[in-house]
Amino acid sequence: MRAMVIDRYGKVPMRLAEMPTPEIGDYEVLAEIHAASINPVDFKIRDGKVKLLVKYKMPLILGNDFSGVVAKVGAKVTRFKVGDEIYARPRKSKIGTFAEYIAIHEDDIALKPKNLSFEEAASIPLVGLTSYQALTDILQLQKGQKILIQAGAGGVGTFAIQLAKLMGATVATTASEAGANLVKYLGANEIINYKTEKFEEILKNYDAVFDTLGGEILEKSFEVIKSGGKIVSVSGLPNARFGKEYGSGFFKTLLFSAASHKLTALEKKHNVQYTFLFMKPSGEQLRIIANFIETGKIKPVIDKVFTFNDAQKAMEYAESGRAKGKIILKIK
């Protein structure tokens, strides 16, 4: 099969390669991939920034979510059959959606929303699961609460705004002038122009923050949270609590504790809870999300669709930060 691979960690371009079609286990299906999406985690993996959490063998096929059709089923698969149209986010140990086929556990799959094209469906799994787990599982967002969602016009932000509104929250977000109309259309109640305004000086007494940027932006986010509030980040540093829950072992947990000491100090200073989210695949949650989409409560937001041969150009465009919504690879 054709696949986009890297041969080593670092800011290296992907290359088109012939790779073996994956073998499937008893509980896996072989999916023929029709479309995949590009996410920031793809360049984090490429750059070696998640090596402490997951180790990969080279050459490595990149790609973390997709839509496609079941081509073959394992002996003990019960929920899917050949020909089913599906979408999914594979397990971190089994990534590789920038390819013509992937082997994936049936627990990680859901039927594709009926009202979406393959390209639209491929835009959903990673950002949908990330937003759902952040807002529902960790923040436990309640009707009437106030949440700041950073980078609202980005891939995760466009989904998270819609989900937060569906949950009955008041939403503030950061965006440029170019993204302001989009986030307003998606339901944002307050829009902070991050180029001319400082969100930490404007927003106060918020119940929750969903951070997608990390660094200094994450640190400033503590200033908008009221006592007892919560912050979840997909771009911040893992802390000791994450290390223990993830089963990282004593040494790695110690490393996480040391690296995140500034965030721990901010937690104590502001009396808030900080959580690093390393999203888990879930076919069950994708089924919930599919229902939101099929009933018109959440819509995909796509910036641009690239051909499979232009995967490297798509990655470069993603890294430019100019995209409003998701970037898609059309594979079939």
Protein backbone atom coordinates (compact mmCIF):
# COMPACT_ATOMS: atom_id res chain seq x y z
CA MET A 1 0.00 0.00 0.00
CA ARG A 2 1.03 3.64 -0.43
CA ALA A 3 1.81 5.56 2.75
CA MET A 4 3.39 8.82 3.89
CA VAL A 5 6.30 8.05 6.23
CA ILE A 6 9.17 9.61 8.13
CA ASP A 7 12.51 7.83 8.67
CA ARG A 8 13.66 9.72 11.76
CA TYR A 9 12.48 12.27 14.31
CA GLY A 10 12.93 15.96 13.54
CA LYS A 11 11.53 18.58 11.16
CA VAL A 12 11.91 16.24 8.21
CA PRO A 13 9.56 16.01 5.23
CA MET A 14 7.36 12.97 4.79
CA ARG A 15 8.04 10.73 1.81
CA LEU A 16 5.68 8.57 -0.20
CA ALA A 17 6.58 4.91 0.30
CA GLU A 18 5.30 1.41 -0.43
CA MET A 19 4.54 -0.28 2.90
CA PRO A 20 3.06 -3.70 3.75
CA THR A 21 -0.73 -3.77 4.11
CA PRO A 22 -1.32 -4.35 7.86
CA GLU A 23 -2.28 -7.75 9.22
CA ILE A 24 -5.33 -7.72 11.49
CA GLY A 25 -5.92 -9.37 14.86
CA ASP A 26 -9.06 -11.17 15.99
CA TYR A 27 -10.69 -7.98 17.29
CA GLU A 28 -9.46 -5.68 14.54
CA VAL A 29 -10.77 -4.58 11.16
CA LEU A 30 -8.77 -3.64 8.09
CA ALA A 31 -10.05 -0.24 7.01
CA GLU A 32 -9.61 1.14 3.53
CA ILE A 33 -8.91 4.82 4.22
CA HIS A 34 -10.77 7.35 2.08
CA ALA A 35 -9.73 10.54 3.91
CA ALA A 36 -7.56 11.57 6.86
CA SER A 37 -7.06 14.84 8.69
CA ILE A 38 -3.94 16.68 9.76
CA ASN A 39 -3.61 17.64 13.42
CA PRO A 40 -0.93 19.41 15.50
CA VAL A 41 -0.14 16.07 17.18
CA ASP A 42 1.19 14.88 13.79
CA PHE A 43 4.07 17.37 13.87
CA LYS A 44 4.60 16.82 17.59
CA ILE A 45 5.07 13.10 16.89
CA ARG A 46 7.31 13.85 13.90
CA ASP A 47 9.46 16.21 15.96
CA GLY A 48 9.88 13.63 18.74
CA LYS A 49 7.95 15.67 21.31
CA VAL A 50 5.87 12.73 22.53
CA LYS A 51 8.74 10.22 22.80
CA LEU A 52 8.41 10.19 26.58
CA LEU A 53 4.79 9.07 26.23
CA VAL A 54 4.87 6.80 23.16
CA LYS A 55 7.80 5.20 21.33
CA TYR A 56 7.54 4.47 17.60
CA LYS A 57 9.57 2.37 15.21
CA MET A 58 10.86 3.86 11.97
CA PRO A 59 9.86 4.20 9.20
CA LEU A 60 6.70 5.61 10.79
CA ILE A 61 3.42 6.27 9.01
CA LEU A 62 1.96 9.48 10.41
CA GLY A 63 -1.74 10.33 10.79
CA ASN A 64 -4.13 10.13 13.73
CA ASP A 65 -7.70 9.98 12.41
CA PHE A 66 -9.61 8.94 9.31
CA SER A 67 -12.80 7.90 7.60
CA GLY A 68 -13.15 4.92 5.31
CA VAL A 69 -14.72 1.55 4.61
CA VAL A 70 -14.27 -1.80 6.36
CA ALA A 71 -12.35 -4.04 3.94
CA LYS A 72 -11.86 -7.08 6.21
CA VAL A 73 -12.88 -8.13 9.73
CA GLY A 74 -11.07 -10.19 12.36
CA ALA A 75 -12.44 -13.54 13.53
CA LYS A 76 -13.97 -12.14 16.74
CA VAL A 77 -15.25 -8.78 15.46
CA THR A 78 -18.99 -8.51 16.21
CA ARG A 79 -20.00 -4.88 15.62
CA PHE A 80 -18.82 -4.26 12.04
CA LYS A 81 -18.98 -5.96 8.67
CA VAL A 82 -17.22 -5.56 5.33
CA GLY A 83 -18.57 -2.48 3.53
CA ASP A 84 -19.45 -0.47 6.65
CA GLU A 85 -18.57 3.23 6.35
CA ILE A 86 -16.64 4.17 9.49
CA TYR A 87 -14.62 6.91 11.16
CA ALA A 88 -12.11 6.60 13.96
CA ARG A 89 -9.06 7.71 15.91
CA PRO A 90 -6.67 4.74 16.25
CA ARG A 91 -4.76 3.90 19.43
CA LYS A 92 -1.55 5.85 19.92
CA SER A 93 0.51 2.69 19.50
CA LYS A 94 -1.18 1.98 16.16
CA ILE A 95 -1.33 5.34 14.36
CA GLY A 96 -0.80 5.62 10.62
CA THR A 97 -3.79 7.08 8.77
CA PHE A 98 -1.74 8.76 6.02
CA ALA A 99 -1.98 5.47 4.14
CA GLU A 100 -4.36 3.42 2.02
CA TYR A 101 -5.14 0.93 4.82
CA ILE A 102 -4.98 0.65 8.59
CA ALA A 103 -5.62 -2.15 11.11
CA ILE A 104 -7.75 -0.85 13.97
CA HIS A 105 -9.50 -2.34 17.02
CA GLU A 106 -13.29 -2.48 16.74
CA ASP A 107 -13.64 -0.65 20.10
CA ASP A 108 -12.07 2.45 18.52
CA ILE A 109 -14.46 2.63 15.55
CA ALA A 110 -17.91 4.10 14.96
CA LEU A 111 -20.15 4.22 11.91
CA LYS A 112 -19.56 7.39 9.92
CA PRO A 113 -22.24 10.07 10.39
CA LYS A 114 -24.70 9.42 7.55
CA ASN A 115 -24.98 13.06 6.53
CA LEU A 116 -21.23 13.63 6.05
CA SER A 117 -18.90 12.96 3.14
CA PHE A 118 -15.75 10.96 3.83
CA GLU A 119 -13.73 14.21 3.80
CA GLU A 120 -16.09 15.84 6.31
CA ALA A 121 -16.15 12.75 8.53
CA ALA A 122 -12.35 12.56 8.60
CA SER A 123 -12.26 16.05 10.13
CA ILE A 124 -14.08 14.91 13.27
CA PRO A 125 -12.54 12.02 15.28
CA LEU A 126 -9.48 13.60 16.90
CA VAL A 127 -10.95 17.07 17.52
CA GLY A 128 -14.31 15.59 18.50
CA LEU A 129 -12.89 13.16 21.04
CA THR A 130 -10.44 15.75 22.37
CA SER A 131 -13.22 18.30 22.91
CA TYR A 132 -15.67 15.74 24.33
CA GLN A 133 -13.15 14.38 26.84
CA ALA A 134 -11.99 17.87 27.82
CA LEU A 135 -15.44 19.41 28.30
CA THR A 136 -17.39 16.38 29.52
CA ASP A 137 -14.97 14.03 31.27
CA ILE A 138 -12.50 16.52 32.79
CA LEU A 139 -14.14 19.95 33.05
CA GLN A 140 -17.63 18.46 33.59
CA LEU A 141 -19.01 21.65 32.09
CA GLN A 142 -22.47 22.60 33.33
CA LYS A 143 -25.27 24.65 31.83
CA GLY A 144 -24.75 28.33 32.63
CA GLN A 145 -21.03 28.06 33.31
CA LYS A 146 -18.46 30.25 31.54
CA ILE A 147 -15.59 28.75 29.55
CA LEU A 148 -12.67 30.24 27.67
CA ILE A 149 -11.67 28.18 24.62
CA GLN A 150 -8.30 29.23 23.25
CA ALA A 151 -7.78 29.49 19.47
CA GLY A 152 -11.43 29.14 18.58
CA ALA A 153 -10.91 29.15 14.80
CA GLY A 154 -8.52 26.18 14.91
CA GLY A 155 -9.45 22.55 14.36
CA VAL A 156 -10.14 21.73 18.02
CA GLY A 157 -11.57 25.17 18.76
CA THR A 158 -14.24 25.05 16.07
CA PHE A 159 -15.58 21.78 17.45
CA ALA A 160 -15.19 22.73 21.13
CA ILE A 161 -17.16 25.98 20.74
CA GLN A 162 -20.09 24.08 19.24
CA LEU A 163 -19.98 21.41 21.94
CA ALA A 164 -19.76 23.95 24.77
CA LYS A 165 -22.78 25.81 23.38
CA LEU A 166 -24.66 22.52 23.05
CA MET A 167 -23.90 21.93 26.76
CA GLY A 168 -25.42 25.32 27.62
CA ALA A 169 -22.23 27.21 28.48
CA THR A 170 -21.28 30.81 27.81
CA VAL A 171 -18.21 30.77 25.55
CA ALA A 172 -15.37 33.23 25.18
CA THR A 173 -12.64 32.54 22.65
CA THR A 174 -9.51 34.05 21.17
CA ALA A 175 -9.23 34.60 17.43
CA SER A 176 -7.73 36.96 14.87
CA GLU A 177 -9.85 39.32 12.77
CA ALA A 178 -9.75 36.69 10.01
CA GLY A 179 -11.31 34.09 12.32
CA ALA A 180 -13.79 36.34 14.15
CA ASN A 181 -16.77 35.79 11.84
CA LEU A 182 -16.30 32.03 11.95
CA VAL A 183 -16.23 31.75 15.75
CA LYS A 184 -19.20 34.12 15.99
CA TYR A 185 -21.12 31.90 13.56
CA LEU A 186 -20.24 28.85 15.69
CA GLY A 187 -21.77 30.50 18.75
CA ALA A 188 -18.98 32.27 20.67
CA ASN A 189 -20.45 34.86 23.04
CA GLU A 190 -17.26 36.89 23.48
CA ILE A 191 -14.40 37.12 21.01
CA ILE A 192 -10.98 38.40 22.06
CA ASN A 193 -8.73 39.60 19.23
CA TYR A 194 -5.45 38.08 20.44
CA LYS A 195 -3.42 40.41 18.21
CA THR A 196 -4.71 43.62 19.81
CA GLU A 197 -6.24 42.54 23.16
CA LYS A 198 -5.10 40.67 26.25
CA PHE A 199 -7.65 38.05 27.22
CA GLU A 200 -6.28 37.85 30.78
CA GLU A 201 -7.14 41.53 31.34
CA ILE A 202 -10.65 41.27 29.88
CA LEU A 203 -12.03 37.97 31.20
CA LYS A 204 -12.56 37.29 34.92
CA ASN A 205 -14.27 34.67 37.12
CA TYR A 206 -14.50 31.97 34.48
CA ASP A 207 -15.39 28.42 35.53
CA ALA A 208 -13.15 26.70 33.00
CA VAL A 209 -10.46 27.10 30.36
CA PHE A 210 -9.77 24.74 27.46
CA ASP A 211 -6.21 25.46 26.36
CA THR A 212 -4.89 24.32 22.97
CA LEU A 213 -1.75 26.48 22.83
CA GLY A 214 0.35 25.84 25.95
CA GLY A 215 3.32 27.94 27.03
CA GLU A 216 2.76 31.53 28.14
CA ILE A 217 -0.88 31.51 26.95
CA LEU A 218 -1.62 28.59 29.29
CA GLU A 219 0.09 30.34 32.19
CA LYS A 220 -1.94 33.53 31.62
CA SER A 221 -5.13 31.45 31.47
CA PHE A 222 -4.88 30.85 35.25
CA GLU A 223 -5.66 34.56 35.73
CA VAL A 224 -9.18 34.31 34.27
CA ILE A 225 -10.30 31.32 36.38
CA LYS A 226 -12.23 31.71 39.61
CA SER A 227 -11.24 29.80 42.73
CA GLY A 228 -12.21 26.15 42.42
CA GLY A 229 -12.27 26.28 38.61
CA LYS A 230 -10.55 23.94 36.16
CA ILE A 231 -8.09 24.19 33.29
CA VAL A 232 -7.48 21.43 30.76
CA SER A 233 -4.71 21.61 28.16
CA VAL A 234 -3.70 19.49 25.20
CA SER A 235 -0.54 21.55 24.64
CA GLY A 236 0.74 22.14 28.17
CA LEU A 237 3.14 19.94 30.08
CA PRO A 238 2.13 16.64 31.68
CA ASN A 239 2.26 16.88 35.49
CA ALA A 240 2.80 14.32 38.26
CA ARG A 241 -0.96 13.62 38.48
CA PHE A 242 -0.98 12.71 34.80
CA GLY A 243 2.10 10.52 35.21
CA LYS A 244 0.43 8.51 37.97
CA GLU A 245 -2.89 8.15 36.13
CA TYR A 246 -1.17 7.23 32.85
CA GLY A 247 1.03 4.66 34.58
CA SER A 248 4.24 6.32 33.44
CA GLY A 249 6.39 4.88 36.22
CA PHE A 250 8.34 6.61 38.97
CA PHE A 251 11.13 8.14 36.87
CA LYS A 252 8.90 9.65 34.17
CA THR A 253 6.42 10.90 36.77
CA LEU A 254 9.31 12.61 38.54
CA LEU A 255 10.34 14.22 35.23
CA PHE A 256 6.79 15.43 34.61
CA SER A 257 6.63 16.86 38.12
CA ALA A 258 9.88 18.79 37.64
CA ALA A 259 8.96 20.07 34.17
CA SER A 260 5.52 21.26 35.26
CA HIS A 261 6.52 22.85 38.59
CA LYS A 262 5.48 26.33 37.36
CA LEU A 263 1.99 25.09 36.48
CA THR A 264 1.70 23.35 39.85
CA ALA A 265 2.62 26.62 41.57
CA LEU A 266 -0.07 28.44 39.56
CA GLU A 267 -2.60 25.75 40.51
CA LYS A 268 -1.93 26.40 44.20
CA LYS A 269 -1.81 30.20 43.86
CA HIS A 270 -5.19 30.41 42.08
CA ASN A 271 -6.80 27.35 43.75
CA VAL A 272 -7.65 25.72 40.42
CA GLN A 273 -7.14 22.22 39.02
CA TYR A 274 -4.86 21.81 36.00
CA THR A 275 -5.16 18.66 33.87
CA PHE A 276 -3.07 17.61 30.89
CA LEU A 277 -5.23 15.72 28.38
CA PHE A 278 -3.71 12.91 26.32
CA MET A 279 -6.88 11.92 24.51
CA LYS A 280 -8.00 8.28 24.37
CA PRO A 281 -9.69 6.64 21.37
CA SER A 282 -13.32 5.69 21.94
CA GLY A 283 -15.80 4.26 19.49
CA GLU A 284 -18.53 4.76 22.11
CA GLN A 285 -17.89 8.51 22.29
CA LEU A 286 -17.66 8.73 18.48
CA ARG A 287 -21.18 7.25 18.35
CA ILE A 288 -22.41 10.04 20.66
CA ILE A 289 -20.66 12.62 18.47
CA ALA A 290 -22.16 11.07 15.31
CA ASN A 291 -25.61 11.61 16.82
CA PHE A 292 -24.82 15.29 17.48
CA ILE A 293 -23.78 15.64 13.83
CA GLU A 294 -26.68 13.70 12.31
CA THR A 295 -29.17 15.82 14.28
CA GLY A 296 -27.52 19.04 13.06
CA LYS A 297 -26.25 20.14 16.48
CA ILE A 298 -22.58 20.14 15.42
CA LYS A 299 -21.15 20.77 11.96
CA PRO A 300 -17.67 20.00 10.57
CA VAL A 301 -15.50 22.99 9.69
CA ILE A 302 -13.02 22.36 6.88
CA ASP A 303 -10.44 24.85 5.66
CA LYS A 304 -8.87 22.95 2.76
CA VAL A 305 -8.70 19.51 1.14
CA PHE A 306 -5.37 18.27 -0.28
CA THR A 307 -4.65 15.25 -2.48
CA PHE A 308 -2.67 12.39 -0.95
CA ASN A 309 0.35 13.26 -3.12
CA ASP A 310 0.33 16.76 -1.60
CA ALA A 311 0.43 15.49 2.00
CA GLN A 312 3.70 17.29 2.73
CA LYS A 313 2.23 20.59 1.46
CA ALA A 314 -0.76 19.97 3.71
CA MET A 315 1.53 19.49 6.72
CA GLU A 316 3.38 22.72 5.92
CA TYR A 317 0.07 24.57 5.62
CA ALA A 318 -1.06 23.15 8.96
CA GLU A 319 2.16 24.31 10.61
CA SER A 320 1.70 27.83 9.23
CA GLY A 321 -1.21 28.34 11.64
CA ARG A 322 -3.31 30.03 8.94
CA ALA A 323 -6.01 27.35 8.72
CA LYS A 324 -9.54 28.07 9.93
CA GLY A 325 -10.94 24.64 10.75
CA LYS A 326 -9.53 21.32 9.59
CA ILE A 327 -7.09 20.32 6.85
CA ILE A 328 -7.99 17.10 5.04
CA LEU A 329 -6.09 14.57 2.93
CA LYS A 330 -8.24 12.90 0.27
CA ILE A 331 -6.70 9.44 -0.05
CA LYS A 332 -9.29 7.61 -2.18
